[in-house]
Amino acid sequence: MARFSTECTTSASAEVVFDYLARFSTTAEWDPGVVEAEMLTPEPVGLGSRFRVVTAQGKRRLELVYEVVEFDRPWLVSMAAEQPRLRSFDTIAVTPGAAGCTVRYGALLEARGWLRRPAELFLRPVLKRVGAKGAAGLAEAVRRLGPPS
């Protein structure tokens, strides 16, 4: 199992940040590893909403369909994706503060199948590297959501 987490703050309100990030199709705007993302279900975003996300590592592409499995606006949203060789679980928690909010993002990748153990050895450094780039994009995106200084 590979895990990644990051935290950032913004002057934007918890509601604005939550609504932006819960619409998981926005990952294409802030995560450089995501090459395509779209919402598959009708508005509004809520429990059961689905998003197609395509990531790229070099020439390899991975398509995952995430479903919102926890939804407590504007505090918490969790999404899960599953395919024969991989499970992904992402959680976004938003905590209001005196002058904006704090965002905590966590991702968990779990290899499946008979190659699970060697695949997880590969997933850990990849998630760390890809996660660091995504964390920088996330911090910049939520900063832009805040009022101009």
N, C-alpha and C. Protein backbone atom coordinates (compact mmCIF):
# COMPACT_ATOMS: atom_id res chain seq x y z
N MET A 1 0.84 -1.17 0.00
CA MET A 1 0.00 0.00 0.00
C MET A 1 0.89 1.24 0.00
N ALA A 2 0.56 2.21 -0.84
CA ALA A 2 1.31 3.46 -0.92
C ALA A 2 0.40 4.58 -0.43
N ARG A 3 0.97 5.46 0.39
CA ARG A 3 0.20 6.57 0.95
C ARG A 3 0.90 7.89 0.66
N PHE A 4 0.08 8.93 0.50
CA PHE A 4 0.60 10.28 0.34
C PHE A 4 -0.37 11.24 1.02
N SER A 5 0.17 12.25 1.68
CA SER A 5 -0.69 13.28 2.25
C SER A 5 0.01 14.62 2.18
N THR A 6 -0.80 15.66 2.13
CA THR A 6 -0.28 17.02 2.10
C THR A 6 -1.30 17.94 2.75
N GLU A 7 -0.85 19.11 3.12
CA GLU A 7 -1.70 20.10 3.77
C GLU A 7 -1.31 21.48 3.25
N CYS A 8 -2.30 22.34 3.04
CA CYS A 8 -2.03 23.71 2.63
C CYS A 8 -3.12 24.61 3.18
N THR A 9 -2.85 25.90 3.20
CA THR A 9 -3.82 26.87 3.69
C THR A 9 -4.10 27.89 2.61
N THR A 10 -5.25 28.54 2.74
CA THR A 10 -5.67 29.56 1.78
C THR A 10 -6.55 30.57 2.49
N SER A 11 -6.64 31.75 1.92
CA SER A 11 -7.54 32.77 2.47
C SER A 11 -8.97 32.58 1.96
N ALA A 12 -9.18 31.64 1.06
CA ALA A 12 -10.52 31.37 0.54
C ALA A 12 -11.38 30.69 1.62
N SER A 13 -12.67 30.82 1.47
CA SER A 13 -13.58 30.19 2.44
C SER A 13 -13.61 28.68 2.25
N ALA A 14 -13.97 27.98 3.31
CA ALA A 14 -14.07 26.52 3.26
C ALA A 14 -15.06 26.08 2.19
N GLU A 15 -16.17 26.79 2.04
CA GLU A 15 -17.19 26.43 1.07
C GLU A 15 -16.66 26.53 -0.36
N VAL A 16 -15.95 27.62 -0.66
CA VAL A 16 -15.41 27.82 -2.01
C VAL A 16 -14.39 26.73 -2.33
N VAL A 17 -13.49 26.47 -1.39
CA VAL A 17 -12.45 25.47 -1.60
C VAL A 17 -13.06 24.08 -1.73
N PHE A 18 -13.98 23.75 -0.85
CA PHE A 18 -14.61 22.43 -0.89
C PHE A 18 -15.32 22.21 -2.21
N ASP A 19 -16.13 23.19 -2.63
CA ASP A 19 -16.89 23.03 -3.88
C ASP A 19 -15.96 22.84 -5.08
N TYR A 20 -14.83 23.51 -5.08
CA TYR A 20 -13.86 23.37 -6.16
C TYR A 20 -13.22 21.99 -6.15
N LEU A 21 -12.73 21.55 -4.99
CA LEU A 21 -12.00 20.28 -4.91
C LEU A 21 -12.92 19.06 -4.97
N ALA A 22 -14.13 19.17 -4.45
CA ALA A 22 -15.06 18.04 -4.49
C ALA A 22 -15.46 17.71 -5.92
N ARG A 23 -15.40 18.70 -6.79
CA ARG A 23 -15.62 18.47 -8.23
C ARG A 23 -14.28 17.94 -8.75
N PHE A 24 -14.09 16.63 -8.63
CA PHE A 24 -12.80 16.00 -8.85
C PHE A 24 -12.29 16.16 -10.28
N SER A 25 -13.14 16.61 -11.18
CA SER A 25 -12.69 16.89 -12.54
C SER A 25 -11.73 18.07 -12.56
N THR A 26 -11.67 18.86 -11.49
CA THR A 26 -10.72 19.98 -11.43
C THR A 26 -9.28 19.49 -11.25
N THR A 27 -9.08 18.21 -10.98
CA THR A 27 -7.70 17.72 -10.83
C THR A 27 -6.87 18.00 -12.08
N ALA A 28 -7.51 18.03 -13.24
CA ALA A 28 -6.79 18.34 -14.48
C ALA A 28 -6.24 19.76 -14.47
N GLU A 29 -6.81 20.63 -13.65
CA GLU A 29 -6.36 22.02 -13.56
C GLU A 29 -5.17 22.18 -12.62
N TRP A 30 -5.04 21.33 -11.61
CA TRP A 30 -4.00 21.54 -10.62
C TRP A 30 -3.00 20.41 -10.45
N ASP A 31 -3.31 19.22 -10.94
CA ASP A 31 -2.37 18.10 -10.80
C ASP A 31 -1.70 17.84 -12.14
N PRO A 32 -0.40 18.11 -12.26
CA PRO A 32 0.28 17.94 -13.55
C PRO A 32 0.30 16.49 -14.04
N GLY A 33 0.05 15.53 -13.18
CA GLY A 33 0.00 14.13 -13.60
C GLY A 33 -1.31 13.73 -14.25
N VAL A 34 -2.32 14.60 -14.15
CA VAL A 34 -3.64 14.31 -14.72
C VAL A 34 -3.74 14.96 -16.09
N VAL A 35 -4.01 14.15 -17.11
CA VAL A 35 -4.11 14.68 -18.47
C VAL A 35 -5.56 14.87 -18.93
N GLU A 36 -6.49 14.19 -18.28
CA GLU A 36 -7.91 14.35 -18.58
C GLU A 36 -8.71 14.10 -17.31
N ALA A 37 -9.80 14.83 -17.17
CA ALA A 37 -10.71 14.59 -16.05
C ALA A 37 -12.08 15.14 -16.43
N GLU A 38 -13.12 14.38 -16.12
CA GLU A 38 -14.47 14.84 -16.42
C GLU A 38 -15.46 14.26 -15.42
N MET A 39 -16.54 15.01 -15.20
CA MET A 39 -17.62 14.54 -14.35
C MET A 39 -18.54 13.67 -15.21
N LEU A 40 -18.87 12.49 -14.73
CA LEU A 40 -19.68 11.55 -15.49
C LEU A 40 -21.16 11.57 -15.10
N THR A 41 -21.47 12.13 -13.97
CA THR A 41 -22.84 12.13 -13.47
C THR A 41 -23.38 13.56 -13.49
N PRO A 42 -24.71 13.71 -13.42
CA PRO A 42 -25.28 15.05 -13.42
C PRO A 42 -24.94 15.83 -12.16
N GLU A 43 -25.00 17.15 -12.28
CA GLU A 43 -24.84 18.05 -11.12
C GLU A 43 -25.99 17.81 -10.16
N PRO A 44 -25.87 18.18 -8.92
CA PRO A 44 -24.69 18.70 -8.24
C PRO A 44 -23.79 17.56 -7.78
N VAL A 45 -22.57 17.90 -7.38
CA VAL A 45 -21.65 16.92 -6.81
C VAL A 45 -22.20 16.48 -5.46
N GLY A 46 -22.18 15.19 -5.21
CA GLY A 46 -22.66 14.65 -3.94
C GLY A 46 -22.32 13.17 -3.85
N LEU A 47 -22.84 12.52 -2.85
CA LEU A 47 -22.61 11.10 -2.66
C LEU A 47 -23.02 10.36 -3.94
N GLY A 48 -22.12 9.52 -4.44
CA GLY A 48 -22.40 8.76 -5.65
C GLY A 48 -21.95 9.44 -6.95
N SER A 49 -21.56 10.72 -6.90
CA SER A 49 -21.06 11.38 -8.11
C SER A 49 -19.84 10.63 -8.60
N ARG A 50 -19.68 10.60 -9.94
CA ARG A 50 -18.56 9.85 -10.54
C ARG A 50 -17.74 10.76 -11.44
N PHE A 51 -16.43 10.50 -11.45
CA PHE A 51 -15.48 11.29 -12.22
C PHE A 51 -14.50 10.36 -12.92
N ARG A 52 -14.25 10.61 -14.18
CA ARG A 52 -13.23 9.88 -14.95
C ARG A 52 -11.95 10.71 -14.90
N VAL A 53 -10.85 10.08 -14.45
CA VAL A 53 -9.57 10.76 -14.32
C VAL A 53 -8.51 9.91 -15.04
N VAL A 54 -7.76 10.55 -15.93
CA VAL A 54 -6.70 9.85 -16.67
C VAL A 54 -5.37 10.47 -16.28
N THR A 55 -4.46 9.63 -15.78
CA THR A 55 -3.13 10.10 -15.42
C THR A 55 -2.12 9.58 -16.44
N ALA A 56 -0.98 10.26 -16.49
CA ALA A 56 0.08 9.83 -17.41
C ALA A 56 1.41 9.82 -16.67
N GLN A 57 2.14 8.75 -16.88
CA GLN A 57 3.52 8.60 -16.41
C GLN A 57 4.32 8.21 -17.65
N GLY A 58 5.00 9.19 -18.24
CA GLY A 58 5.69 8.91 -19.50
C GLY A 58 4.65 8.58 -20.56
N LYS A 59 4.82 7.43 -21.21
CA LYS A 59 3.87 7.01 -22.25
C LYS A 59 2.69 6.21 -21.69
N ARG A 60 2.78 5.85 -20.43
CA ARG A 60 1.71 5.05 -19.81
C ARG A 60 0.57 5.93 -19.34
N ARG A 61 -0.64 5.49 -19.63
CA ARG A 61 -1.83 6.20 -19.16
C ARG A 61 -2.65 5.25 -18.30
N LEU A 62 -3.23 5.82 -17.27
CA LEU A 62 -4.07 5.05 -16.37
C LEU A 62 -5.39 5.77 -16.22
N GLU A 63 -6.46 5.09 -16.55
CA GLU A 63 -7.80 5.66 -16.41
C GLU A 63 -8.48 5.06 -15.18
N LEU A 64 -8.97 5.94 -14.33
CA LEU A 64 -9.71 5.53 -13.14
C LEU A 64 -11.05 6.25 -13.11
N VAL A 65 -12.07 5.55 -12.69
CA VAL A 65 -13.37 6.17 -12.47
C VAL A 65 -13.58 6.22 -10.96
N TYR A 66 -13.58 7.45 -10.43
CA TYR A 66 -13.76 7.67 -9.00
C TYR A 66 -15.23 7.88 -8.69
N GLU A 67 -15.65 7.37 -7.55
CA GLU A 67 -17.00 7.61 -7.06
C GLU A 67 -16.90 8.23 -5.67
N VAL A 68 -17.72 9.25 -5.45
CA VAL A 68 -17.76 9.89 -4.13
C VAL A 68 -18.42 8.92 -3.16
N VAL A 69 -17.67 8.52 -2.11
CA VAL A 69 -18.18 7.55 -1.14
C VAL A 69 -18.45 8.18 0.22
N GLU A 70 -17.93 9.39 0.44
CA GLU A 70 -18.25 10.18 1.64
C GLU A 70 -18.42 11.62 1.19
N PHE A 71 -19.44 12.28 1.71
CA PHE A 71 -19.69 13.66 1.30
C PHE A 71 -20.35 14.40 2.45
N ASP A 72 -19.62 15.33 3.01
CA ASP A 72 -20.14 16.16 4.11
C ASP A 72 -19.72 17.60 3.83
N ARG A 73 -20.49 18.27 2.97
CA ARG A 73 -20.15 19.64 2.56
C ARG A 73 -20.25 20.58 3.75
N PRO A 74 -19.29 21.45 3.95
CA PRO A 74 -18.04 21.70 3.22
C PRO A 74 -16.81 21.17 3.93
N TRP A 75 -16.93 20.03 4.59
CA TRP A 75 -15.82 19.55 5.42
C TRP A 75 -15.04 18.38 4.86
N LEU A 76 -15.74 17.42 4.26
CA LEU A 76 -15.07 16.17 3.90
C LEU A 76 -15.67 15.56 2.64
N VAL A 77 -14.79 15.13 1.75
CA VAL A 77 -15.21 14.34 0.60
C VAL A 77 -14.16 13.25 0.39
N SER A 78 -14.62 12.03 0.15
CA SER A 78 -13.73 10.91 -0.13
C SER A 78 -14.21 10.24 -1.41
N MET A 79 -13.23 9.81 -2.22
CA MET A 79 -13.53 9.18 -3.49
C MET A 79 -12.75 7.89 -3.61
N ALA A 80 -13.36 6.89 -4.23
CA ALA A 80 -12.70 5.61 -4.43
C ALA A 80 -12.79 5.21 -5.89
N ALA A 81 -11.73 4.57 -6.36
CA ALA A 81 -11.68 4.02 -7.72
C ALA A 81 -11.10 2.63 -7.62
N GLU A 82 -11.59 1.75 -8.47
CA GLU A 82 -11.12 0.38 -8.41
C GLU A 82 -11.06 -0.19 -9.82
N GLN A 83 -10.00 -0.90 -10.10
CA GLN A 83 -9.88 -1.65 -11.33
C GLN A 83 -9.17 -2.96 -11.00
N PRO A 84 -9.06 -3.88 -11.94
CA PRO A 84 -8.52 -5.19 -11.59
C PRO A 84 -7.15 -5.18 -10.90
N ARG A 85 -6.27 -4.23 -11.24
CA ARG A 85 -4.92 -4.25 -10.66
C ARG A 85 -4.65 -3.15 -9.65
N LEU A 86 -5.62 -2.26 -9.40
CA LEU A 86 -5.34 -1.11 -8.54
C LEU A 86 -6.61 -0.58 -7.88
N ARG A 87 -6.47 -0.19 -6.61
CA ARG A 87 -7.50 0.55 -5.89
C ARG A 87 -6.92 1.89 -5.49
N SER A 88 -7.73 2.94 -5.57
CA SER A 88 -7.30 4.26 -5.15
C SER A 88 -8.36 4.85 -4.25
N PHE A 89 -7.92 5.51 -3.20
CA PHE A 89 -8.84 6.15 -2.26
C PHE A 89 -8.26 7.52 -1.92
N ASP A 90 -9.01 8.58 -2.23
CA ASP A 90 -8.56 9.95 -1.99
C ASP A 90 -9.53 10.64 -1.04
N THR A 91 -8.98 11.39 -0.08
CA THR A 91 -9.80 12.11 0.89
C THR A 91 -9.35 13.56 0.94
N ILE A 92 -10.33 14.44 0.94
CA ILE A 92 -10.08 15.88 1.05
C ILE A 92 -10.86 16.37 2.27
N ALA A 93 -10.14 16.93 3.23
CA ALA A 93 -10.76 17.48 4.44
C ALA A 93 -10.47 18.98 4.47
N VAL A 94 -11.48 19.77 4.71
CA VAL A 94 -11.35 21.23 4.76
C VAL A 94 -11.73 21.70 6.16
N THR A 95 -10.83 22.46 6.78
CA THR A 95 -11.07 22.97 8.12
C THR A 95 -11.05 24.49 8.08
N PRO A 96 -12.16 25.14 8.48
CA PRO A 96 -12.16 26.61 8.46
C PRO A 96 -11.22 27.17 9.51
N GLY A 97 -10.70 28.34 9.22
CA GLY A 97 -9.82 29.04 10.16
C GLY A 97 -10.26 30.48 10.28
N ALA A 98 -9.51 31.26 11.02
CA ALA A 98 -9.85 32.66 11.25
C ALA A 98 -9.83 33.47 9.96
N ALA A 99 -8.90 33.12 9.05
CA ALA A 99 -8.75 33.91 7.82
C ALA A 99 -8.69 33.00 6.61
N GLY A 100 -9.62 32.09 6.49
CA GLY A 100 -9.63 31.17 5.36
C GLY A 100 -9.83 29.74 5.82
N CYS A 101 -9.02 28.82 5.29
CA CYS A 101 -9.17 27.42 5.67
C CYS A 101 -7.89 26.64 5.40
N THR A 102 -7.85 25.44 5.96
CA THR A 102 -6.76 24.50 5.74
C THR A 102 -7.32 23.30 4.99
N VAL A 103 -6.57 22.84 4.01
CA VAL A 103 -6.96 21.68 3.21
C VAL A 103 -5.98 20.55 3.50
N ARG A 104 -6.53 19.38 3.81
CA ARG A 104 -5.72 18.18 3.99
C ARG A 104 -6.15 17.19 2.91
N TYR A 105 -5.17 16.78 2.12
CA TYR A 105 -5.44 15.86 1.02
C TYR A 105 -4.67 14.58 1.27
N GLY A 106 -5.33 13.46 1.18
CA GLY A 106 -4.67 12.17 1.37
C GLY A 106 -5.02 11.23 0.24
N ALA A 107 -4.03 10.46 -0.21
CA ALA A 107 -4.24 9.47 -1.26
C ALA A 107 -3.65 8.14 -0.82
N LEU A 108 -4.35 7.09 -1.15
CA LEU A 108 -3.93 5.74 -0.82
C LEU A 108 -4.06 4.91 -2.09
N LEU A 109 -2.97 4.27 -2.50
CA LEU A 109 -2.99 3.37 -3.66
C LEU A 109 -2.67 1.97 -3.20
N GLU A 110 -3.46 1.02 -3.66
CA GLU A 110 -3.24 -0.36 -3.28
C GLU A 110 -3.23 -1.22 -4.53
N ALA A 111 -2.12 -1.90 -4.75
CA ALA A 111 -2.02 -2.83 -5.88
C ALA A 111 -2.87 -4.05 -5.57
N ARG A 112 -3.38 -4.67 -6.63
CA ARG A 112 -4.21 -5.87 -6.48
C ARG A 112 -3.67 -6.97 -7.38
N GLY A 113 -4.07 -8.17 -7.12
CA GLY A 113 -3.69 -9.28 -7.98
C GLY A 113 -2.42 -9.97 -7.51
N TRP A 114 -1.97 -10.91 -8.29
CA TRP A 114 -0.85 -11.75 -7.89
C TRP A 114 0.49 -11.00 -7.91
N LEU A 115 0.57 -9.86 -8.58
CA LEU A 115 1.80 -9.05 -8.57
C LEU A 115 1.73 -7.92 -7.55
N ARG A 116 0.83 -8.05 -6.60
CA ARG A 116 0.59 -6.98 -5.64
C ARG A 116 1.86 -6.53 -4.91
N ARG A 117 2.60 -7.43 -4.35
CA ARG A 117 3.77 -7.06 -3.54
C ARG A 117 4.84 -6.32 -4.37
N PRO A 118 5.28 -6.85 -5.50
CA PRO A 118 6.28 -6.08 -6.27
C PRO A 118 5.71 -4.77 -6.82
N ALA A 119 4.44 -4.76 -7.17
CA ALA A 119 3.83 -3.53 -7.68
C ALA A 119 3.81 -2.45 -6.60
N GLU A 120 3.56 -2.83 -5.36
CA GLU A 120 3.53 -1.83 -4.28
C GLU A 120 4.91 -1.24 -4.02
N LEU A 121 5.96 -2.01 -4.23
CA LEU A 121 7.31 -1.47 -4.10
C LEU A 121 7.55 -0.39 -5.16
N PHE A 122 6.96 -0.55 -6.33
CA PHE A 122 7.05 0.43 -7.39
C PHE A 122 6.15 1.64 -7.11
N LEU A 123 4.96 1.39 -6.55
CA LEU A 123 3.98 2.46 -6.33
C LEU A 123 4.44 3.50 -5.31
N ARG A 124 5.13 3.08 -4.27
CA ARG A 124 5.52 4.02 -3.21
C ARG A 124 6.36 5.19 -3.72
N PRO A 125 7.47 4.95 -4.42
CA PRO A 125 8.24 6.11 -4.89
C PRO A 125 7.52 6.90 -5.98
N VAL A 126 6.73 6.22 -6.79
CA VAL A 126 5.98 6.92 -7.83
C VAL A 126 4.96 7.86 -7.19
N LEU A 127 4.21 7.36 -6.21
CA LEU A 127 3.22 8.21 -5.54
C LEU A 127 3.88 9.37 -4.82
N LYS A 128 5.03 9.13 -4.24
CA LYS A 128 5.75 10.21 -3.56
C LYS A 128 6.14 11.31 -4.55
N ARG A 129 6.69 10.92 -5.69
CA ARG A 129 7.13 11.89 -6.71
C ARG A 129 5.94 12.61 -7.34
N VAL A 130 4.94 11.85 -7.76
CA VAL A 130 3.76 12.43 -8.40
C VAL A 130 2.98 13.26 -7.38
N GLY A 131 2.89 12.77 -6.15
CA GLY A 131 2.18 13.49 -5.09
C GLY A 131 2.80 14.83 -4.79
N ALA A 132 4.13 14.92 -4.81
CA ALA A 132 4.79 16.20 -4.54
C ALA A 132 4.43 17.23 -5.59
N LYS A 133 4.37 16.82 -6.85
CA LYS A 133 3.98 17.75 -7.92
C LYS A 133 2.52 18.16 -7.79
N GLY A 134 1.68 17.18 -7.48
CA GLY A 134 0.26 17.47 -7.27
C GLY A 134 0.03 18.38 -6.08
N ALA A 135 0.81 18.19 -5.01
CA ALA A 135 0.68 19.02 -3.81
C ALA A 135 1.00 20.47 -4.12
N ALA A 136 2.04 20.70 -4.92
CA ALA A 136 2.38 22.07 -5.30
C ALA A 136 1.27 22.70 -6.13
N GLY A 137 0.70 21.94 -7.05
CA GLY A 137 -0.41 22.43 -7.86
C GLY A 137 -1.65 22.70 -7.03
N LEU A 138 -1.92 21.81 -6.07
CA LEU A 138 -3.07 21.99 -5.18
C LEU A 138 -2.93 23.26 -4.36
N ALA A 139 -1.76 23.46 -3.78
CA ALA A 139 -1.54 24.66 -2.96
C ALA A 139 -1.72 25.93 -3.78
N GLU A 140 -1.22 25.94 -5.00
CA GLU A 140 -1.36 27.11 -5.87
C GLU A 140 -2.83 27.32 -6.27
N ALA A 141 -3.53 26.23 -6.58
CA ALA A 141 -4.94 26.35 -7.00
C ALA A 141 -5.81 26.90 -5.88
N VAL A 142 -5.65 26.41 -4.65
CA VAL A 142 -6.50 26.90 -3.56
C VAL A 142 -6.10 28.31 -3.15
N ARG A 143 -4.83 28.65 -3.33
CA ARG A 143 -4.39 30.03 -3.06
C ARG A 143 -5.10 30.99 -4.02
N ARG A 144 -5.21 30.61 -5.28
CA ARG A 144 -5.88 31.45 -6.29
C ARG A 144 -7.38 31.62 -6.00
N LEU A 145 -7.97 30.70 -5.27
CA LEU A 145 -9.40 30.80 -4.94
C LEU A 145 -9.69 31.90 -3.94
N GLY A 146 -8.67 32.30 -3.20
CA GLY A 146 -8.85 33.33 -2.16
C GLY A 146 -8.98 34.72 -2.75
N PRO A 147 -9.42 35.66 -1.93
CA PRO A 147 -9.53 37.04 -2.39
C PRO A 147 -8.15 37.61 -2.70
N PRO A 148 -8.06 38.52 -3.67
CA PRO A 148 -6.76 39.13 -3.98
C PRO A 148 -6.21 39.88 -2.78
N SER A 149 -4.88 39.83 -2.64
CA SER A 149 -4.28 40.50 -1.48
C SER A 149 -3.85 41.92 -1.84
